[in-house]
């Protein structure tokens, strides 16, 4: 069966099937899945969606394959899938299903500003999984966030305010989900095999080091030396544990810092390049454009 590639703009047909539907241009789409609008034949096709997908299951359940790994979604659970993941629904309890789904475009996600220093990376989840079981209270809180995306797109009239509200909502929801993970990780200190425990410690310590040194150091070798392991081994365990390479994590932190400085610090591009330890403005500009698709000056004007 062929994989069906889906752009967010192609998902607007969901409006026909959803009692609650809204979209903010091509930035995000909100929809509610109920027994009345489940389409099993469409859902069973393997598809690659180009944006971030967040699905909160309130009732019922279904099975789903994500990049060939199988997961079960039940009530009070959330599914978070990164862009370009291949997903396939294999079973839907459609007589009970009630879920909210939010599709967010990659371009919109790139413009979300997070305060890296506010994130406690020491509580990074031990196992990378797209499915998280929530408490009843956590489900209620996350449901309110998703409903606010729907309210924002259906009641506000100013596109500028709508986008800025949506950016703040997305950042707030990310912080909230990280807090859920932190509480769960600290409350479930189960024993694990020594090899897995050591590997997790490396991943956690790497993330803490990146948080501390990303403004000055962008080399994987620097962080490997700090952990007394080889750069090759560090890259391997980070990729296996988080789904992203060590270099990708470093780049993500540098770009987030660069965006915050460019947008909020009042510094010019040369000063930002200096703060991030680039040899000159030109090398910073090439690095920034390679990773974001726009120059620093274009980002400042956006």
C-alpha atoms as a PDB file:
ATOM      1  CA  UNK A   1       0.000   0.000   0.000  1.00  0.00           C
ATOM      2  CA  UNK A   2       1.436   3.372  -1.023  1.00  0.00           C
ATOM      3  CA  UNK A   3       2.166   6.043   1.589  1.00  0.00           C
ATOM      4  CA  UNK A   4      -0.119   9.046   1.224  1.00  0.00           C
ATOM      5  CA  UNK A   5       1.749  12.340   1.719  1.00  0.00           C
ATOM      6  CA  UNK A   6      -0.496  14.975   3.294  1.00  0.00           C
ATOM      7  CA  UNK A   7      -0.005  18.732   3.485  1.00  0.00           C
ATOM      8  CA  UNK A   8      -1.976  20.659   6.091  1.00  0.00           C
ATOM      9  CA  UNK A   9      -3.813  22.483   3.311  1.00  0.00           C
ATOM     10  CA  UNK A  10      -5.208  19.099   2.192  1.00  0.00           C
ATOM     11  CA  UNK A  11      -6.814  18.459   5.583  1.00  0.00           C
ATOM     12  CA  UNK A  12      -9.399  21.197   5.260  1.00  0.00           C
ATOM     13  CA  UNK A  13     -11.841  18.525   3.981  1.00  0.00           C
ATOM     14  CA  UNK A  14     -12.175  17.465   7.637  1.00  0.00           C
ATOM     15  CA  UNK A  15     -14.556  20.386   8.015  1.00  0.00           C
ATOM     16  CA  UNK A  16     -17.243  18.289   6.313  1.00  0.00           C
ATOM     17  CA  UNK A  17     -16.974  15.562   8.924  1.00  0.00           C
ATOM     18  CA  UNK A  18     -16.363  17.484  12.145  1.00  0.00           C
ATOM     19  CA  UNK A  19     -18.871  19.075  14.500  1.00  0.00           C
ATOM     20  CA  UNK A  20     -16.041  21.267  15.833  1.00  0.00           C
ATOM     21  CA  UNK A  21     -13.582  22.441  13.185  1.00  0.00           C
ATOM     22  CA  UNK A  22     -11.433  25.522  12.731  1.00  0.00           C
ATOM     23  CA  UNK A  23      -8.234  26.569  11.041  1.00  0.00           C
ATOM     24  CA  UNK A  24      -5.915  29.565  11.173  1.00  0.00           C
ATOM     25  CA  UNK A  25      -5.031  29.776   7.487  1.00  0.00           C
ATOM     26  CA  UNK A  26      -2.353  27.089   7.021  1.00  0.00           C
ATOM     27  CA  UNK A  27      -0.818  27.588  10.494  1.00  0.00           C
ATOM     28  CA  UNK A  28      -2.954  25.034  12.284  1.00  0.00           C
ATOM     29  CA  UNK A  29      -6.125  22.958  12.005  1.00  0.00           C
ATOM     30  CA  UNK A  30      -8.322  21.923  14.928  1.00  0.00           C
ATOM     31  CA  UNK A  31     -10.894  19.142  14.630  1.00  0.00           C
ATOM     32  CA  UNK A  32     -12.960  16.939  16.910  1.00  0.00           C
ATOM     33  CA  UNK A  33     -13.268  13.233  16.120  1.00  0.00           C
ATOM     34  CA  UNK A  34     -16.561  11.605  17.138  1.00  0.00           C
ATOM     35  CA  UNK A  35     -18.443   8.473  15.983  1.00  0.00           C
ATOM     36  CA  UNK A  36     -20.370  10.629  13.517  1.00  0.00           C
ATOM     37  CA  UNK A  37     -17.277  11.716  11.596  1.00  0.00           C
ATOM     38  CA  UNK A  38     -14.922   8.695  11.693  1.00  0.00           C
ATOM     39  CA  UNK A  39     -13.997   7.549   8.191  1.00  0.00           C
ATOM     40  CA  UNK A  40     -12.332   4.111   8.664  1.00  0.00           C
ATOM     41  CA  UNK A  41     -11.303   3.681   5.015  1.00  0.00           C
ATOM     42  CA  UNK A  42      -9.534   7.047   4.921  1.00  0.00           C
ATOM     43  CA  UNK A  43      -7.957   6.592   8.360  1.00  0.00           C
ATOM     44  CA  UNK A  44      -6.549   3.142   7.533  1.00  0.00           C
ATOM     45  CA  UNK A  45      -4.288   4.453   4.749  1.00  0.00           C
ATOM     46  CA  UNK A  46      -0.623   4.933   5.704  1.00  0.00           C
ATOM     47  CA  UNK A  47       0.079   8.646   5.522  1.00  0.00           C
ATOM     48  CA  UNK A  48       2.898  11.096   6.113  1.00  0.00           C
ATOM     49  CA  UNK A  49       1.649  14.438   7.479  1.00  0.00           C
ATOM     50  CA  UNK A  50       4.045  17.351   7.016  1.00  0.00           C
ATOM     51  CA  UNK A  51       3.182  19.024  10.336  1.00  0.00           C
ATOM     52  CA  UNK A  52       3.107  18.345  14.059  1.00  0.00           C
ATOM     53  CA  UNK A  53       0.120  16.247  15.166  1.00  0.00           C
ATOM     54  CA  UNK A  54      -1.294  16.343  18.701  1.00  0.00           C
ATOM     55  CA  UNK A  55      -4.282  14.083  19.424  1.00  0.00           C
ATOM     56  CA  UNK A  56      -5.978  13.991  22.821  1.00  0.00           C
ATOM     57  CA  UNK A  57      -8.224  10.955  23.328  1.00  0.00           C
ATOM     58  CA  UNK A  58     -11.090  11.698  25.713  1.00  0.00           C
ATOM     59  CA  UNK A  59     -13.027   8.457  25.250  1.00  0.00           C
ATOM     60  CA  UNK A  60     -12.849   5.251  23.222  1.00  0.00           C
ATOM     61  CA  UNK A  61      -9.582   4.185  21.674  1.00  0.00           C
ATOM     62  CA  UNK A  62      -7.706   2.972  18.626  1.00  0.00           C
ATOM     63  CA  UNK A  63      -4.511   1.335  17.471  1.00  0.00           C
ATOM     64  CA  UNK A  64      -1.933   3.228  15.465  1.00  0.00           C
ATOM     65  CA  UNK A  65       1.405   2.481  13.818  1.00  0.00           C
ATOM     66  CA  UNK A  66       3.958   5.321  13.989  1.00  0.00           C
ATOM     67  CA  UNK A  67       7.073   4.763  11.877  1.00  0.00           C
ATOM     68  CA  UNK A  68       6.305   1.000  11.962  1.00  0.00           C
ATOM     69  CA  UNK A  69       6.009   0.856  15.779  1.00  0.00           C
ATOM     70  CA  UNK A  70       2.566  -0.027  17.136  1.00  0.00           C
ATOM     71  CA  UNK A  71       0.821   1.913  19.917  1.00  0.00           C
ATOM     72  CA  UNK A  72      -2.558   1.693  21.634  1.00  0.00           C
ATOM     73  CA  UNK A  73      -4.414   4.934  22.322  1.00  0.00           C
ATOM     74  CA  UNK A  74      -6.975   4.873  25.121  1.00  0.00           C
ATOM     75  CA  UNK A  75      -9.065   7.469  26.925  1.00  0.00           C
ATOM     76  CA  UNK A  76      -6.983   9.997  28.874  1.00  0.00           C
ATOM     77  CA  UNK A  77      -3.963   9.698  26.624  1.00  0.00           C
ATOM     78  CA  UNK A  78      -2.228  12.054  24.220  1.00  0.00           C
ATOM     79  CA  UNK A  79      -0.445  11.281  20.976  1.00  0.00           C
ATOM     80  CA  UNK A  80       2.245  13.712  19.806  1.00  0.00           C
ATOM     81  CA  UNK A  81       3.857  13.017  16.427  1.00  0.00           C
ATOM     82  CA  UNK A  82       6.551  15.096  14.772  1.00  0.00           C
ATOM     83  CA  UNK A  83       6.447  16.263  11.143  1.00  0.00           C
ATOM     84  CA  UNK A  84       6.880  13.680   8.367  1.00  0.00           C
ATOM     85  CA  UNK A  85       6.216  10.673  10.589  1.00  0.00           C
ATOM     86  CA  UNK A  86       4.423   7.815   8.824  1.00  0.00           C
ATOM     87  CA  UNK A  87       1.207   6.869  10.604  1.00  0.00           C
ATOM     88  CA  UNK A  88      -1.470   4.256   9.993  1.00  0.00           C
ATOM     89  CA  UNK A  89      -4.609   3.661  12.047  1.00  0.00           C
ATOM     90  CA  UNK A  90      -5.392  -0.060  12.274  1.00  0.00           C
ATOM     91  CA  UNK A  91      -8.390  -0.108  14.622  1.00  0.00           C
ATOM     92  CA  UNK A  92     -10.848   2.530  15.761  1.00  0.00           C
ATOM     93  CA  UNK A  93     -13.442   2.005  18.494  1.00  0.00           C
ATOM     94  CA  UNK A  94     -15.721   4.296  16.555  1.00  0.00           C
ATOM     95  CA  UNK A  95     -18.848   3.670  18.632  1.00  0.00           C
ATOM     96  CA  UNK A  96     -17.191   5.526  21.541  1.00  0.00           C
ATOM     97  CA  UNK A  97     -14.375   7.610  20.102  1.00  0.00           C
ATOM     98  CA  UNK A  98     -14.152  11.225  21.230  1.00  0.00           C
ATOM     99  CA  UNK A  99     -10.877  13.022  20.571  1.00  0.00           C
ATOM    100  CA  UNK A 100      -9.420  16.426  19.776  1.00  0.00           C
ATOM    101  CA  UNK A 101      -6.745  16.675  17.116  1.00  0.00           C
ATOM    102  CA  UNK A 102      -4.501  19.631  16.325  1.00  0.00           C
ATOM    103  CA  UNK A 103      -2.341  19.751  13.192  1.00  0.00           C
ATOM    104  CA  UNK A 104       0.365  22.438  13.260  1.00  0.00           C
ATOM    105  CA  UNK A 105       2.452  23.466  10.262  1.00  0.00           C
ATOM    106  CA  UNK A 106       6.278  23.286  10.389  1.00  0.00           C
ATOM    107  CA  UNK A 107       6.522  26.973   9.448  1.00  0.00           C
ATOM    108  CA  UNK A 108       4.326  27.947  12.384  1.00  0.00           C
ATOM    109  CA  UNK A 109       6.334  25.764  14.782  1.00  0.00           C
ATOM    110  CA  UNK A 110       9.568  27.460  13.694  1.00  0.00           C
ATOM    111  CA  UNK A 111       8.182  30.750  14.963  1.00  0.00           C
ATOM    112  CA  UNK A 112       7.414  29.481  18.484  1.00  0.00           C
ATOM    113  CA  UNK A 113       9.792  31.050  21.008  1.00  0.00           C
ATOM    114  CA  UNK A 114      10.601  28.982  24.076  1.00  0.00           C
ATOM    115  CA  UNK A 115      12.723  30.086  27.005  1.00  0.00           C
ATOM    116  CA  UNK A 116      15.299  27.303  27.111  1.00  0.00           C
ATOM    117  CA  UNK A 117      16.401  28.285  30.609  1.00  0.00           C
ATOM    118  CA  UNK A 118      12.879  27.652  31.919  1.00  0.00           C
ATOM    119  CA  UNK A 119      12.991  23.992  30.900  1.00  0.00           C
ATOM    120  CA  UNK A 120      14.311  21.525  33.470  1.00  0.00           C
ATOM    121  CA  UNK A 121      16.076  19.041  31.246  1.00  0.00           C
ATOM    122  CA  UNK A 122      17.134  16.918  34.195  1.00  0.00           C
ATOM    123  CA  UNK A 123      13.596  15.488  34.024  1.00  0.00           C
ATOM    124  CA  UNK A 124      13.761  14.549  30.359  1.00  0.00           C
ATOM    125  CA  UNK A 125      11.597  11.422  29.916  1.00  0.00           C
ATOM    126  CA  UNK A 126      13.613   8.181  29.976  1.00  0.00           C
ATOM    127  CA  UNK A 127      11.908   6.573  26.996  1.00  0.00           C
ATOM    128  CA  UNK A 128      10.967   8.292  23.772  1.00  0.00           C
ATOM    129  CA  UNK A 129       7.352   7.464  22.974  1.00  0.00           C
ATOM    130  CA  UNK A 130       4.705   9.414  21.063  1.00  0.00           C
ATOM    131  CA  UNK A 131       1.950   8.243  23.438  1.00  0.00           C
ATOM    132  CA  UNK A 132       1.557   9.447  27.024  1.00  0.00           C
ATOM    133  CA  UNK A 133      -1.102   8.338  29.503  1.00  0.00           C
ATOM    134  CA  UNK A 134      -2.517  11.275  31.447  1.00  0.00           C
ATOM    135  CA  UNK A 135      -4.350  11.650  34.715  1.00  0.00           C
ATOM    136  CA  UNK A 136      -7.941  12.868  34.595  1.00  0.00           C
ATOM    137  CA  UNK A 137      -6.809  16.325  35.712  1.00  0.00           C
ATOM    138  CA  UNK A 138      -4.010  16.462  33.105  1.00  0.00           C
ATOM    139  CA  UNK A 139      -6.519  15.502  30.407  1.00  0.00           C
ATOM    140  CA  UNK A 140      -8.836  18.283  31.556  1.00  0.00           C
ATOM    141  CA  UNK A 141      -6.029  20.861  31.426  1.00  0.00           C
ATOM    142  CA  UNK A 142      -4.791  19.790  27.988  1.00  0.00           C
ATOM    143  CA  UNK A 143      -8.354  19.750  26.686  1.00  0.00           C
ATOM    144  CA  UNK A 144      -8.747  23.403  27.735  1.00  0.00           C
ATOM    145  CA  UNK A 145      -5.581  24.335  25.811  1.00  0.00           C
ATOM    146  CA  UNK A 146      -6.813  22.632  22.640  1.00  0.00           C
ATOM    147  CA  UNK A 147     -10.216  24.263  22.976  1.00  0.00           C
ATOM    148  CA  UNK A 148      -8.482  27.651  23.178  1.00  0.00           C
ATOM    149  CA  UNK A 149      -6.908  27.034  19.754  1.00  0.00           C
ATOM    150  CA  UNK A 150     -10.427  26.458  18.412  1.00  0.00           C
ATOM    151  CA  UNK A 151     -11.805  29.562  20.163  1.00  0.00           C
ATOM    152  CA  UNK A 152      -8.896  31.672  18.909  1.00  0.00           C
ATOM    153  CA  UNK A 153      -9.518  30.708  15.286  1.00  0.00           C
ATOM    154  CA  UNK A 154     -13.293  31.149  15.442  1.00  0.00           C
ATOM    155  CA  UNK A 155     -13.819  34.275  17.559  1.00  0.00           C
ATOM    156  CA  UNK A 156     -10.887  36.653  16.958  1.00  0.00           C
ATOM    157  CA  UNK A 157     -11.032  38.945  13.967  1.00  0.00           C
ATOM    158  CA  UNK A 158      -7.486  40.331  13.746  1.00  0.00           C
ATOM    159  CA  UNK A 159      -5.003  37.996  11.951  1.00  0.00           C
ATOM    160  CA  UNK A 160      -2.075  39.615  13.802  1.00  0.00           C
ATOM    161  CA  UNK A 161      -3.620  39.027  17.220  1.00  0.00           C
ATOM    162  CA  UNK A 162      -4.784  35.536  16.234  1.00  0.00           C
ATOM    163  CA  UNK A 163      -1.272  34.426  15.260  1.00  0.00           C
ATOM    164  CA  UNK A 164       0.380  35.926  18.322  1.00  0.00           C
ATOM    165  CA  UNK A 165      -2.228  34.382  20.614  1.00  0.00           C
ATOM    166  CA  UNK A 166      -1.680  31.030  18.893  1.00  0.00           C
ATOM    167  CA  UNK A 167       2.117  31.302  19.316  1.00  0.00           C
ATOM    168  CA  UNK A 168       1.717  31.988  23.026  1.00  0.00           C
ATOM    169  CA  UNK A 169      -0.814  29.170  23.383  1.00  0.00           C
ATOM    170  CA  UNK A 170       1.527  26.703  21.701  1.00  0.00           C
ATOM    171  CA  UNK A 171       4.477  27.707  23.884  1.00  0.00           C
ATOM    172  CA  UNK A 172       2.290  27.482  27.011  1.00  0.00           C
ATOM    173  CA  UNK A 173       0.985  24.042  26.028  1.00  0.00           C
ATOM    174  CA  UNK A 174       4.534  22.776  25.415  1.00  0.00           C
ATOM    175  CA  UNK A 175       5.613  24.014  28.851  1.00  0.00           C
ATOM    176  CA  UNK A 176       2.547  22.369  30.391  1.00  0.00           C
ATOM    177  CA  UNK A 177       3.228  18.998  28.738  1.00  0.00           C
ATOM    178  CA  UNK A 178       6.852  19.182  29.891  1.00  0.00           C
ATOM    179  CA  UNK A 179       5.646  19.782  33.438  1.00  0.00           C
ATOM    180  CA  UNK A 180       3.417  16.700  33.170  1.00  0.00           C
ATOM    181  CA  UNK A 181       6.454  14.687  32.057  1.00  0.00           C
ATOM    182  CA  UNK A 182       8.578  16.097  34.895  1.00  0.00           C
ATOM    183  CA  UNK A 183       6.034  15.135  37.530  1.00  0.00           C
ATOM    184  CA  UNK A 184       5.623  11.661  36.039  1.00  0.00           C
ATOM    185  CA  UNK A 185       9.352  11.052  35.782  1.00  0.00           C
ATOM    186  CA  UNK A 186      10.023  12.144  39.372  1.00  0.00           C
ATOM    187  CA  UNK A 187       7.107  10.074  40.701  1.00  0.00           C
ATOM    188  CA  UNK A 188       8.132   6.872  38.894  1.00  0.00           C
ATOM    189  CA  UNK A 189      11.736   6.274  39.857  1.00  0.00           C
ATOM    190  CA  UNK A 190      11.688   2.593  38.941  1.00  0.00           C
ATOM    191  CA  UNK A 191      14.798   0.483  38.865  1.00  0.00           C
ATOM    192  CA  UNK A 192      16.095  -0.240  35.375  1.00  0.00           C
ATOM    193  CA  UNK A 193      18.978  -2.283  33.957  1.00  0.00           C
ATOM    194  CA  UNK A 194      22.357  -0.678  34.646  1.00  0.00           C
ATOM    195  CA  UNK A 195      23.112  -0.267  30.921  1.00  0.00           C
ATOM    196  CA  UNK A 196      19.806   1.520  30.299  1.00  0.00           C
ATOM    197  CA  UNK A 197      20.225   3.664  33.405  1.00  0.00           C
ATOM    198  CA  UNK A 198      23.724   4.699  32.323  1.00  0.00           C
ATOM    199  CA  UNK A 199      22.500   5.487  28.814  1.00  0.00           C
ATOM    200  CA  UNK A 200      19.676   7.616  30.169  1.00  0.00           C
ATOM    201  CA  UNK A 201      22.133   9.490  32.374  1.00  0.00           C
ATOM    202  CA  UNK A 202      24.272  10.265  29.328  1.00  0.00           C
ATOM    203  CA  UNK A 203      21.225  11.587  27.452  1.00  0.00           C
ATOM    204  CA  UNK A 204      20.088  13.667  30.408  1.00  0.00           C
ATOM    205  CA  UNK A 205      23.577  15.040  31.091  1.00  0.00           C
ATOM    206  CA  UNK A 206      24.060  15.845  27.405  1.00  0.00           C
ATOM    207  CA  UNK A 207      20.845  17.886  27.355  1.00  0.00           C
ATOM    208  CA  UNK A 208      21.847  19.751  30.506  1.00  0.00           C
ATOM    209  CA  UNK A 209      25.275  20.504  28.996  1.00  0.00           C
ATOM    210  CA  UNK A 210      23.724  21.746  25.756  1.00  0.00           C
ATOM    211  CA  UNK A 211      21.435  24.010  27.745  1.00  0.00           C
ATOM    212  CA  UNK A 212      24.477  25.433  29.532  1.00  0.00           C
ATOM    213  CA  UNK A 213      26.985  25.726  26.666  1.00  0.00           C
ATOM    214  CA  UNK A 214      25.034  26.041  23.399  1.00  0.00           C
ATOM    215  CA  UNK A 215      25.764  29.760  23.087  1.00  0.00           C
ATOM    216  CA  UNK A 216      29.495  29.027  22.885  1.00  0.00           C
ATOM    217  CA  UNK A 217      29.894  25.412  21.739  1.00  0.00           C
ATOM    218  CA  UNK A 218      28.311  23.718  18.714  1.00  0.00           C
ATOM    219  CA  UNK A 219      30.622  20.707  18.338  1.00  0.00           C
ATOM    220  CA  UNK A 220      29.395  17.232  19.288  1.00  0.00           C
ATOM    221  CA  UNK A 221      32.998  16.427  20.258  1.00  0.00           C
ATOM    222  CA  UNK A 222      32.947  19.120  22.949  1.00  0.00           C
ATOM    223  CA  UNK A 223      29.962  17.508  24.690  1.00  0.00           C
ATOM    224  CA  UNK A 224      31.356  13.995  24.252  1.00  0.00           C
ATOM    225  CA  UNK A 225      34.584  15.081  25.939  1.00  0.00           C
ATOM    226  CA  UNK A 226      32.616  16.493  28.857  1.00  0.00           C
ATOM    227  CA  UNK A 227      30.904  13.096  29.256  1.00  0.00           C
ATOM    228  CA  UNK A 228      34.132  11.111  28.749  1.00  0.00           C
ATOM    229  CA  UNK A 229      32.732   9.140  25.817  1.00  0.00           C
ATOM    230  CA  UNK A 230      33.367   9.220  22.063  1.00  0.00           C
ATOM    231  CA  UNK A 231      31.457  11.570  19.785  1.00  0.00           C
ATOM    232  CA  UNK A 232      30.309   8.547  17.756  1.00  0.00           C
ATOM    233  CA  UNK A 233      28.828   6.802  20.809  1.00  0.00           C
ATOM    234  CA  UNK A 234      27.185  10.010  22.020  1.00  0.00           C
ATOM    235  CA  UNK A 235      25.581  10.542  18.620  1.00  0.00           C
ATOM    236  CA  UNK A 236      24.321   6.942  18.626  1.00  0.00           C
ATOM    237  CA  UNK A 237      22.655   6.997  22.044  1.00  0.00           C
ATOM    238  CA  UNK A 238      21.111  10.444  21.536  1.00  0.00           C
ATOM    239  CA  UNK A 239      19.605   9.381  18.207  1.00  0.00           C
ATOM    240  CA  UNK A 240      18.285   6.090  19.611  1.00  0.00           C
ATOM    241  CA  UNK A 241      16.883   7.679  22.773  1.00  0.00           C
ATOM    242  CA  UNK A 242      15.319  10.859  21.391  1.00  0.00           C
ATOM    243  CA  UNK A 243      14.839  10.280  17.666  1.00  0.00           C
ATOM    244  CA  UNK A 244      17.083  13.247  16.848  1.00  0.00           C
ATOM    245  CA  UNK A 245      20.848  13.416  16.514  1.00  0.00           C
ATOM    246  CA  UNK A 246      23.124  15.199  18.983  1.00  0.00           C
ATOM    247  CA  UNK A 247      23.988  17.734  16.269  1.00  0.00           C
ATOM    248  CA  UNK A 248      20.274  18.368  15.649  1.00  0.00           C
ATOM    249  CA  UNK A 249      19.685  19.059  19.351  1.00  0.00           C
ATOM    250  CA  UNK A 250      22.614  21.492  19.456  1.00  0.00           C
ATOM    251  CA  UNK A 251      21.369  23.264  16.336  1.00  0.00           C
ATOM    252  CA  UNK A 252      17.844  23.479  17.758  1.00  0.00           C
ATOM    253  CA  UNK A 253      19.064  25.188  20.915  1.00  0.00           C
ATOM    254  CA  UNK A 254      21.292  27.600  18.997  1.00  0.00           C
ATOM    255  CA  UNK A 255      18.470  28.535  16.608  1.00  0.00           C
ATOM    256  CA  UNK A 256      15.996  29.064  19.465  1.00  0.00           C
ATOM    257  CA  UNK A 257      18.510  31.326  21.203  1.00  0.00           C
ATOM    258  CA  UNK A 258      19.220  33.151  17.944  1.00  0.00           C
ATOM    259  CA  UNK A 259      15.506  33.744  17.317  1.00  0.00           C
ATOM    260  CA  UNK A 260      14.976  35.073  20.819  1.00  0.00           C
ATOM    261  CA  UNK A 261      17.953  37.425  20.490  1.00  0.00           C
ATOM    262  CA  UNK A 262      16.985  38.618  17.012  1.00  0.00           C
ATOM    263  CA  UNK A 263      13.387  39.300  17.977  1.00  0.00           C
ATOM    264  CA  UNK A 264      13.589  40.519  21.558  1.00  0.00           C
ATOM    265  CA  UNK A 265      17.101  41.632  22.549  1.00  0.00           C
ATOM    266  CA  UNK A 266      17.304  44.819  20.457  1.00  0.00           C
ATOM    267  CA  UNK A 267      20.750  43.734  19.251  1.00  0.00           C
ATOM    268  CA  UNK A 268      21.782  43.878  15.620  1.00  0.00           C
ATOM    269  CA  UNK A 269      22.730  40.771  13.640  1.00  0.00           C
ATOM    270  CA  UNK A 270      26.455  41.271  14.152  1.00  0.00           C
ATOM    271  CA  UNK A 271      26.001  41.483  17.928  1.00  0.00           C
ATOM    272  CA  UNK A 272      23.841  38.341  17.924  1.00  0.00           C
ATOM    273  CA  UNK A 273      26.496  36.516  15.890  1.00  0.00           C
ATOM    274  CA  UNK A 274      29.101  37.561  18.476  1.00  0.00           C
ATOM    275  CA  UNK A 275      26.906  36.450  21.393  1.00  0.00           C
ATOM    276  CA  UNK A 276      26.556  33.005  19.793  1.00  0.00           C
ATOM    277  CA  UNK A 277      30.310  32.666  19.168  1.00  0.00           C
ATOM    278  CA  UNK A 278      30.274  32.793  15.369  1.00  0.00           C
ATOM    279  CA  UNK A 279      33.454  34.018  13.705  1.00  0.00           C
ATOM    280  CA  UNK A 280      31.551  36.678  11.770  1.00  0.00           C
ATOM    281  CA  UNK A 281      28.099  37.820  10.709  1.00  0.00           C
ATOM    282  CA  UNK A 282      28.372  36.002   7.375  1.00  0.00           C
ATOM    283  CA  UNK A 283      28.967  32.568   8.922  1.00  0.00           C
ATOM    284  CA  UNK A 284      26.071  33.129  11.329  1.00  0.00           C
ATOM    285  CA  UNK A 285      23.811  34.184   8.451  1.00  0.00           C
ATOM    286  CA  UNK A 286      24.644  31.045   6.445  1.00  0.00           C
ATOM    287  CA  UNK A 287      24.077  28.820   9.481  1.00  0.00           C
ATOM    288  CA  UNK A 288      20.749  30.481  10.335  1.00  0.00           C
ATOM    289  CA  UNK A 289      19.435  30.374   6.764  1.00  0.00           C
ATOM    290  CA  UNK A 290      20.470  26.746   6.295  1.00  0.00           C
ATOM    291  CA  UNK A 291      18.400  25.711   9.315  1.00  0.00           C
ATOM    292  CA  UNK A 292      15.432  28.070   9.064  1.00  0.00           C
ATOM    293  CA  UNK A 293      15.135  28.815   5.357  1.00  0.00           C
ATOM    294  CA  UNK A 294      15.408  32.571   5.888  1.00  0.00           C
ATOM    295  CA  UNK A 295      18.168  35.034   6.651  1.00  0.00           C
ATOM    296  CA  UNK A 296      18.456  36.653  10.111  1.00  0.00           C
ATOM    297  CA  UNK A 297      17.299  39.970   8.667  1.00  0.00           C
ATOM    298  CA  UNK A 298      14.269  38.296   7.026  1.00  0.00           C
ATOM    299  CA  UNK A 299      13.376  36.703  10.354  1.00  0.00           C
ATOM    300  CA  UNK A 300      13.609  40.042  12.155  1.00  0.00           C
ATOM    301  CA  UNK A 301      11.206  41.570   9.621  1.00  0.00           C
ATOM    302  CA  UNK A 302       8.717  38.684   9.766  1.00  0.00           C
END
